[in-house]
Amino acid sequence: MDATALPFDTDAMLAGLRAWVECESPTWEAGAVNRMVDLASRDLAMLGARLDRIPGRMGFGDCLRASLPHRGAGPGILLLGHLDTVHPLGTLAALPWRREDGRVFGPGILDMKGGTYIALEALRQLQRAGIATALPVTVLLTGDEEVGSPSTRDLIEAEAARHRYVLIPEPARPDGGVVTGRYAIARFALRSTGRPSHAGARLAEGRSAIREMARQILRIEDMTSEDCTFSVGVVHGGQWVNCVATTCTAEVLSMAKRQEDLDRGVAAMLALRSGSGDVGFEVEQGVTRPVWEADAPGMALWQRAHAVALGLGFDIPHQSSGGGSDGNFTGAMGIATLDGLGVAGSGAHTLGEHIVETSLARRGRLLAGLLAALD
């Protein structure tokens, strides 16, 4: 049987995917991520995979490595995904599973439980049809991608180094395309320190950490250019409204298409200083993702996937993309990496997150066909 003609069933896939989506797994809730690892472990065990559960660290959940049965040895294919989402526990109340006008909604369904699930379904369909891949296949699922993979980067890079290809079922691009490069990303933690006073009786004696942070936020976001962007996404400050705030913290995300532009952005962030001797201000650099530029191995891999897609009757243009993924690491290592192989949809990271039903079978066949074609 031709791998591209496998009988993917949308309703059956949605039944399995629903259990994944309704198992909420926000990054910072290690126990919740581990419950999601339990679900994925069972699905992979039923494929006959040899499972290795790798304990989490730094307060994050576990990782799962699954090696599919194969007679061959040597460098093979790594299917790389993550089981964590940005949605906090309880999001299902505001974003319940529902099917509506050809779309399916739920927390994390697009980024990236839908794509990871169809990757496993592609393996399942190949097995049922008796189609053996030419290369061994390993699945690696992590639990901290949404915060930059601080505890798993070394694991991802070590595993990728043992493989010839890396396939990542992150969401498809809006035009149905895939990703052959990603921008560089850096995160920063900010902290301002003021002097407390009673906000009603002795306001003038205080020095507000919130005021200093507000001034710095405007300065930071005004640093945004076409080459490098800066966005403040989290702010916490103060404790009592009748007390001048002593501390304020914030988090910043910076992104650039070229590594040298990000390096300049990092230097500019680390050079920031308080505007007043009465108020302290500190910048700490957090996790970074290196730029992944399209290269010959990645483009050759895209050509293979493109041929499979054309055989299925659709196109998959390629592009470099903002928004980091673990492909930043593997692509920067020079390993042939293809990202954005997952389902189509919109609203990632929002209460409107959804996938397009018809993309489940289409993208599942694409993955199955690519897995069968690679050698």
Protein backbone atom coordinates (compact mmCIF):
# COMPACT_ATOMS: atom_id res chain seq x y z
CA MET A 1 0.00 0.00 0.00
CA ASP A 2 1.13 3.53 -0.80
CA ALA A 3 1.75 5.37 2.48
CA THR A 4 -0.04 8.43 1.13
CA ALA A 5 -3.25 6.40 0.66
CA LEU A 6 -3.48 5.23 4.27
CA PRO A 7 -7.01 5.31 5.75
CA PHE A 8 -6.73 8.14 8.24
CA ASP A 9 -10.10 8.63 9.96
CA THR A 10 -10.80 12.12 11.26
CA ASP A 11 -13.44 11.08 13.79
CA ALA A 12 -11.22 8.36 15.21
CA MET A 13 -8.28 10.75 15.50
CA LEU A 14 -10.42 13.35 17.24
CA ALA A 15 -11.60 10.76 19.75
CA GLY A 16 -7.99 10.04 20.72
CA LEU A 17 -6.90 13.65 20.56
CA ARG A 18 -9.69 14.75 22.87
CA ALA A 19 -8.19 12.83 25.77
CA TRP A 20 -4.90 14.62 25.19
CA VAL A 21 -6.46 18.07 25.02
CA GLU A 22 -8.60 17.51 28.10
CA CYS A 23 -5.51 16.50 30.06
CA GLU A 24 -4.40 20.04 30.81
CA SER A 25 -0.62 20.32 31.01
CA PRO A 26 0.73 23.83 31.64
CA THR A 27 4.51 24.02 31.70
CA TRP A 28 4.84 25.09 35.32
CA GLU A 29 2.60 22.30 36.64
CA ALA A 30 4.98 19.33 36.64
CA GLY A 31 2.33 16.92 37.92
CA ALA A 32 -0.05 17.90 35.13
CA VAL A 33 2.66 17.49 32.49
CA ASN A 34 3.45 14.08 33.93
CA ARG A 35 -0.18 13.03 33.57
CA MET A 36 0.12 13.97 29.91
CA VAL A 37 3.31 11.91 29.70
CA ASP A 38 1.30 8.98 31.08
CA LEU A 39 -1.23 9.31 28.23
CA ALA A 40 1.44 9.55 25.54
CA SER A 41 3.32 6.62 27.09
CA ARG A 42 0.29 4.38 26.74
CA ASP A 43 -0.27 5.33 23.10
CA LEU A 44 3.39 4.72 22.27
CA ALA A 45 3.50 1.46 24.23
CA MET A 46 0.64 0.19 22.08
CA LEU A 47 2.86 0.83 19.06
CA GLY A 48 5.41 -1.54 20.60
CA ALA A 49 7.85 1.24 21.38
CA ARG A 50 10.58 0.84 23.96
CA LEU A 51 9.94 3.63 26.45
CA ASP A 52 12.45 5.62 28.47
CA ARG A 53 10.95 8.07 30.93
CA ILE A 54 13.46 10.75 31.81
CA PRO A 55 12.82 12.51 35.15
CA GLY A 56 12.25 16.23 34.95
CA ARG A 57 14.54 18.76 36.57
CA MET A 58 14.47 22.45 37.49
CA GLY A 59 10.89 21.91 38.65
CA PHE A 60 9.62 20.81 35.24
CA GLY A 61 7.83 17.63 34.23
CA ASP A 62 9.30 14.43 32.83
CA CYS A 63 10.35 13.73 29.25
CA LEU A 64 9.53 10.64 27.21
CA ARG A 65 11.75 8.93 24.66
CA ALA A 66 10.19 6.14 22.61
CA SER A 67 12.12 3.92 20.21
CA LEU A 68 9.93 2.22 17.62
CA PRO A 69 10.65 -1.40 16.66
CA HIS A 70 13.07 -1.62 13.76
CA ARG A 71 15.51 -4.16 12.37
CA GLY A 72 18.03 -1.55 11.35
CA ALA A 73 20.51 0.46 13.39
CA GLY A 74 22.34 3.71 13.03
CA PRO A 75 21.16 7.30 12.56
CA GLY A 76 17.44 7.49 11.92
CA ILE A 77 14.50 9.88 12.24
CA LEU A 78 13.72 11.86 15.38
CA LEU A 79 10.12 13.00 15.84
CA LEU A 80 10.45 15.89 18.28
CA GLY A 81 7.52 17.44 20.16
CA HIS A 82 6.43 18.92 23.47
CA LEU A 83 3.53 18.08 25.78
CA ASP A 84 3.38 21.33 27.76
CA THR A 85 1.06 24.22 26.95
CA VAL A 86 0.79 27.87 27.95
CA HIS A 87 -2.76 27.50 29.27
CA PRO A 88 -3.14 27.37 33.09
CA LEU A 89 -5.10 24.65 34.83
CA GLY A 90 -8.82 25.36 34.58
CA THR A 91 -8.68 26.80 31.06
CA LEU A 92 -11.04 24.04 29.91
CA ALA A 93 -13.84 25.94 31.64
CA ALA A 94 -13.33 28.91 29.30
CA LEU A 95 -12.07 26.92 26.29
CA PRO A 96 -13.82 23.54 26.36
CA TRP A 97 -13.39 20.88 23.70
CA ARG A 98 -15.91 21.56 20.97
CA ARG A 99 -16.40 20.97 17.23
CA GLU A 100 -17.86 23.90 15.36
CA ASP A 101 -18.06 24.65 11.63
CA GLY A 102 -15.12 22.44 10.72
CA ARG A 103 -12.97 23.64 13.58
CA VAL A 104 -12.07 21.95 16.85
CA PHE A 105 -11.28 24.03 19.93
CA GLY A 106 -9.34 23.29 23.11
CA PRO A 107 -6.30 24.42 25.11
CA GLY A 108 -3.06 23.33 23.43
CA ILE A 109 -4.86 21.61 20.55
CA LEU A 110 -2.88 23.59 17.97
CA ASP A 111 0.34 24.15 19.90
CA MET A 112 1.08 21.36 19.77
CA LYS A 113 -0.99 18.38 20.92
CA GLY A 114 -2.74 18.08 17.56
CA GLY A 115 0.51 17.81 15.63
CA THR A 116 2.10 15.41 18.09
CA TYR A 117 -0.97 13.19 18.05
CA ILE A 118 -1.09 12.95 14.25
CA ALA A 119 2.61 12.05 14.24
CA LEU A 120 1.79 9.05 16.42
CA GLU A 121 -1.23 8.29 14.22
CA ALA A 122 1.06 8.30 11.16
CA LEU A 123 3.25 5.68 12.85
CA ARG A 124 0.14 3.69 13.78
CA GLN A 125 -1.16 3.74 10.21
CA LEU A 126 2.19 2.64 8.80
CA GLN A 127 2.28 -0.27 11.24
CA ARG A 128 -1.25 -1.40 10.42
CA ALA A 129 -0.47 -1.34 6.71
CA GLY A 130 2.76 -3.28 7.19
CA ILE A 131 4.85 -0.45 5.76
CA ALA A 132 8.29 -0.45 7.35
CA THR A 133 10.30 2.75 7.44
CA ALA A 134 13.77 2.48 5.95
CA LEU A 135 15.22 4.21 9.01
CA PRO A 136 14.68 3.68 12.74
CA VAL A 137 12.27 6.17 14.33
CA THR A 138 12.57 7.72 17.78
CA VAL A 139 9.99 9.98 19.41
CA LEU A 140 11.14 12.53 22.01
CA LEU A 141 8.48 14.46 23.93
CA THR A 142 9.49 17.19 26.37
CA GLY A 143 7.69 19.33 28.95
CA ASP A 144 9.23 22.81 29.00
CA GLU A 145 9.29 24.04 25.40
CA GLU A 146 6.87 26.89 26.02
CA VAL A 147 9.37 28.58 28.35
CA GLY A 148 12.38 28.08 26.09
CA SER A 149 13.37 24.50 26.99
CA PRO A 150 15.74 25.50 29.82
CA SER A 151 15.87 22.00 31.32
CA THR A 152 15.80 19.96 28.11
CA ARG A 153 18.05 21.69 25.59
CA ASP A 154 20.98 19.41 26.40
CA LEU A 155 18.76 16.33 26.10
CA ILE A 156 17.31 17.50 22.78
CA GLU A 157 20.73 18.24 21.31
CA ALA A 158 22.20 14.94 22.51
CA GLU A 159 19.30 12.96 21.05
CA ALA A 160 19.29 14.90 17.78
CA ALA A 161 23.02 14.27 17.32
CA ARG A 162 22.26 10.55 17.07
CA HIS A 163 19.81 11.04 14.20
CA ARG A 164 19.94 11.87 10.50
CA TYR A 165 16.67 13.80 10.34
CA VAL A 166 14.53 15.76 12.81
CA LEU A 167 10.81 16.18 12.09
CA ILE A 168 8.82 18.62 14.26
CA PRO A 169 5.00 18.66 14.08
CA GLU A 170 4.58 22.21 15.36
CA PRO A 171 1.58 23.98 13.75
CA ALA A 172 1.54 24.47 10.00
CA ARG A 173 2.07 28.00 8.71
CA PRO A 174 -1.05 30.01 7.77
CA ASP A 175 -0.47 29.20 4.09
CA GLY A 176 -0.15 25.49 4.85
CA GLY A 177 3.60 25.64 4.56
CA VAL A 178 6.39 24.31 6.73
CA VAL A 179 9.37 25.84 8.51
CA THR A 180 12.99 25.56 7.37
CA GLY A 181 14.41 28.21 9.70
CA ARG A 182 13.51 30.17 12.83
CA TYR A 183 14.54 33.49 14.31
CA ALA A 184 16.86 33.82 17.28
CA ILE A 185 15.18 34.47 20.64
CA ALA A 186 16.35 35.73 24.03
CA ARG A 187 14.47 36.14 27.31
CA PHE A 188 15.26 38.56 30.11
CA ALA A 189 14.17 39.01 33.74
CA LEU A 190 13.93 42.59 35.01
CA ARG A 191 13.82 43.79 38.60
CA SER A 192 13.46 47.31 39.95
CA THR A 193 13.90 48.19 43.64
CA GLY A 194 12.49 51.35 45.21
CA ARG A 195 11.98 52.78 48.70
CA PRO A 196 8.73 52.19 50.58
CA SER A 197 6.61 54.80 52.27
CA HIS A 198 2.96 55.30 53.19
CA ALA A 199 1.29 56.30 49.92
CA GLY A 200 -1.26 58.47 51.68
CA ALA A 201 0.62 60.10 54.55
CA ARG A 202 4.23 60.22 53.26
CA LEU A 203 4.12 59.73 49.49
CA ALA A 204 7.07 62.05 48.79
CA GLU A 205 9.38 59.97 50.94
CA GLY A 206 8.94 56.89 48.78
CA ARG A 207 10.54 55.88 45.50
CA SER A 208 8.30 53.67 43.38
CA ALA A 209 9.75 50.53 41.82
CA ILE A 210 6.65 50.38 39.59
CA ARG A 211 7.32 53.88 38.25
CA GLU A 212 10.89 52.91 37.38
CA MET A 213 9.74 49.70 35.70
CA ALA A 214 7.12 51.58 33.69
CA ARG A 215 9.79 53.97 32.46
CA GLN A 216 12.06 51.09 31.49
CA ILE A 217 9.24 49.21 29.73
CA LEU A 218 8.57 52.16 27.44
CA ARG A 219 12.29 52.47 26.76
CA ILE A 220 12.67 48.76 26.01
CA GLU A 221 9.69 48.47 23.67
CA ASP A 222 10.84 51.62 21.84
CA MET A 223 14.07 49.73 21.03
CA THR A 224 12.06 47.53 18.62
CA SER A 225 13.19 47.75 15.01
CA GLU A 226 12.81 45.71 11.85
CA ASP A 227 15.98 43.85 12.82
CA CYS A 228 15.19 43.05 16.45
CA THR A 229 11.96 43.19 18.46
CA PHE A 230 11.37 43.62 22.20
CA SER A 231 8.18 42.75 24.03
CA VAL A 232 7.37 42.93 27.75
CA GLY A 233 4.89 40.16 28.48
CA VAL A 234 4.81 39.78 32.27
CA VAL A 235 4.82 42.44 35.02
CA HIS A 236 4.41 42.03 38.79
CA GLY A 237 4.73 44.87 41.28
CA GLY A 238 3.67 46.15 44.65
CA GLN A 239 1.81 44.51 47.51
CA TRP A 240 -0.44 47.17 49.06
CA VAL A 241 -2.11 50.05 47.28
CA ASN A 242 -1.41 52.33 50.22
CA CYS A 243 2.32 51.59 50.17
CA VAL A 244 4.79 52.90 47.58
CA ALA A 245 6.03 49.80 45.78
CA THR A 246 9.40 48.48 46.87
CA THR A 247 9.88 45.91 44.10
CA CYS A 248 8.64 45.26 40.59
CA THR A 249 9.60 42.45 38.21
CA ALA A 250 9.01 41.91 34.50
CA GLU A 251 9.91 39.52 31.70
CA VAL A 252 11.02 40.47 28.20
CA LEU A 253 11.18 38.51 24.95
CA SER A 254 13.49 39.62 22.15
CA MET A 255 13.56 38.16 18.66
CA ALA A 256 15.74 38.70 15.59
CA LYS A 257 16.12 37.13 12.15
CA ARG A 258 19.92 37.18 12.38
CA GLN A 259 22.11 36.15 15.28
CA GLU A 260 24.21 39.31 15.10
CA ASP A 261 21.07 41.44 15.47
CA LEU A 262 20.00 39.49 18.54
CA ASP A 263 23.50 39.79 19.98
CA ARG A 264 23.25 43.58 19.65
CA GLY A 265 19.82 43.46 21.27
CA VAL A 266 21.17 41.43 24.18
CA ALA A 267 23.99 43.94 24.67
CA ALA A 268 21.50 46.82 24.66
CA MET A 269 19.32 45.09 27.26
CA LEU A 270 22.24 44.31 29.55
CA ALA A 271 23.40 47.93 29.33
CA LEU A 272 20.15 49.34 30.77
CA ARG A 273 20.54 51.25 34.00
CA SER A 274 18.26 53.00 36.47
CA GLY A 275 17.39 56.60 35.73
CA SER A 276 17.76 57.55 39.39
CA GLY A 277 20.25 56.83 42.15
CA ASP A 278 17.32 56.29 44.50
CA VAL A 279 15.96 53.31 42.57
CA GLY A 280 17.75 50.10 41.59
CA PHE A 281 17.29 48.33 38.26
CA GLU A 282 18.73 44.96 37.15
CA VAL A 283 18.56 42.94 33.95
CA GLU A 284 19.30 39.23 33.92
CA GLN A 285 19.56 37.30 30.65
CA GLY A 286 17.54 34.09 30.61
CA VAL A 287 17.24 31.23 28.13
CA THR A 288 18.04 31.83 24.48
CA ARG A 289 17.36 30.04 21.23
CA PRO A 290 20.02 30.36 18.51
CA VAL A 291 19.04 31.45 15.03
CA TRP A 292 18.32 28.55 12.71
CA GLU A 293 19.00 29.50 9.12
CA ALA A 294 17.88 27.46 6.14
CA ASP A 295 20.75 25.24 5.01
CA ALA A 296 21.42 22.54 2.42
CA PRO A 297 20.46 19.54 4.60
CA GLY A 298 17.23 21.18 5.69
CA MET A 299 16.30 22.24 2.17
CA ALA A 300 17.00 18.74 0.85
CA LEU A 301 14.65 17.40 3.53
CA TRP A 302 12.01 19.92 2.51
CA GLN A 303 12.33 18.78 -1.10
CA ARG A 304 11.51 15.23 0.01
CA ALA A 305 8.49 16.44 1.96
CA HIS A 306 7.43 18.70 -0.91
CA ALA A 307 7.39 15.76 -3.29
CA VAL A 308 5.19 13.80 -0.87
CA ALA A 309 2.80 16.75 -0.54
CA LEU A 310 2.52 17.21 -4.29
CA GLY A 311 1.69 13.52 -4.57
CA LEU A 312 -1.16 14.16 -2.15
CA GLY A 313 -2.42 17.04 -4.23
CA PHE A 314 -1.29 20.06 -2.22
CA ASP A 315 1.71 22.32 -1.78
CA ILE A 316 3.86 23.02 1.27
CA PRO A 317 5.89 26.19 0.70
CA HIS A 318 8.75 26.72 3.12
CA GLN A 319 9.70 29.77 5.17
CA SER A 320 11.72 31.04 8.08
CA SER A 321 9.49 31.90 10.99
CA GLY A 322 9.32 33.86 14.18
CA GLY A 323 8.23 32.09 17.34
CA GLY A 324 10.84 29.69 18.63
CA SER A 325 10.75 25.93 18.71
CA ASP A 326 13.17 23.18 19.59
CA GLY A 327 14.04 23.20 15.89
CA ASN A 328 16.19 26.24 16.69
CA PHE A 329 18.55 23.89 18.50
CA THR A 330 18.62 21.00 16.04
CA GLY A 331 18.70 23.21 12.95
CA ALA A 332 21.53 25.31 14.38
CA MET A 333 23.46 22.05 14.89
CA GLY A 334 23.37 21.48 11.13
CA ILE A 335 21.09 18.43 11.39
CA ALA A 336 18.48 18.22 8.64
CA THR A 337 15.38 19.61 10.37
CA LEU A 338 11.87 20.26 9.10
CA ASP A 339 9.41 22.09 11.36
CA GLY A 340 5.77 23.13 11.03
CA LEU A 341 4.64 19.66 9.96
CA GLY A 342 1.65 19.71 12.31
CA VAL A 343 -2.00 20.58 11.89
CA ALA A 344 -3.52 23.79 10.52
CA GLY A 345 -5.41 26.19 12.73
CA SER A 346 -5.26 29.53 14.48
CA GLY A 347 -5.38 31.26 17.84
CA ALA A 348 -2.42 29.52 19.46
CA HIS A 349 -1.89 30.62 23.08
CA THR A 350 -5.35 32.27 23.20
CA LEU A 351 -8.88 31.33 24.28
CA GLY A 352 -9.71 30.94 20.60
CA GLU A 353 -7.13 28.22 19.93
CA HIS A 354 -8.41 25.72 17.37
CA ILE A 355 -7.45 23.39 14.55
CA VAL A 356 -9.04 22.79 11.16
CA GLU A 357 -10.62 19.32 11.10
CA THR A 358 -9.66 18.51 7.53
CA SER A 359 -5.99 19.10 8.27
CA LEU A 360 -5.77 16.06 10.56
CA ALA A 361 -5.90 13.46 7.81
CA ARG A 362 -4.06 15.63 5.29
CA ARG A 363 -1.11 16.33 7.53
CA GLY A 364 -1.17 12.79 8.90
CA ARG A 365 -0.72 11.44 5.39
CA LEU A 366 2.08 13.93 4.77
CA LEU A 367 3.93 12.72 7.87
CA ALA A 368 3.34 9.06 7.05
CA GLY A 369 4.51 9.52 3.49
CA LEU A 370 7.63 11.40 4.59
CA LEU A 371 8.49 8.82 7.25
CA ALA A 372 8.20 6.08 4.65
CA ALA A 373 10.20 8.00 2.03
CA LEU A 374 13.26 8.96 4.07
CA ASP A 375 16.37 6.83 3.76
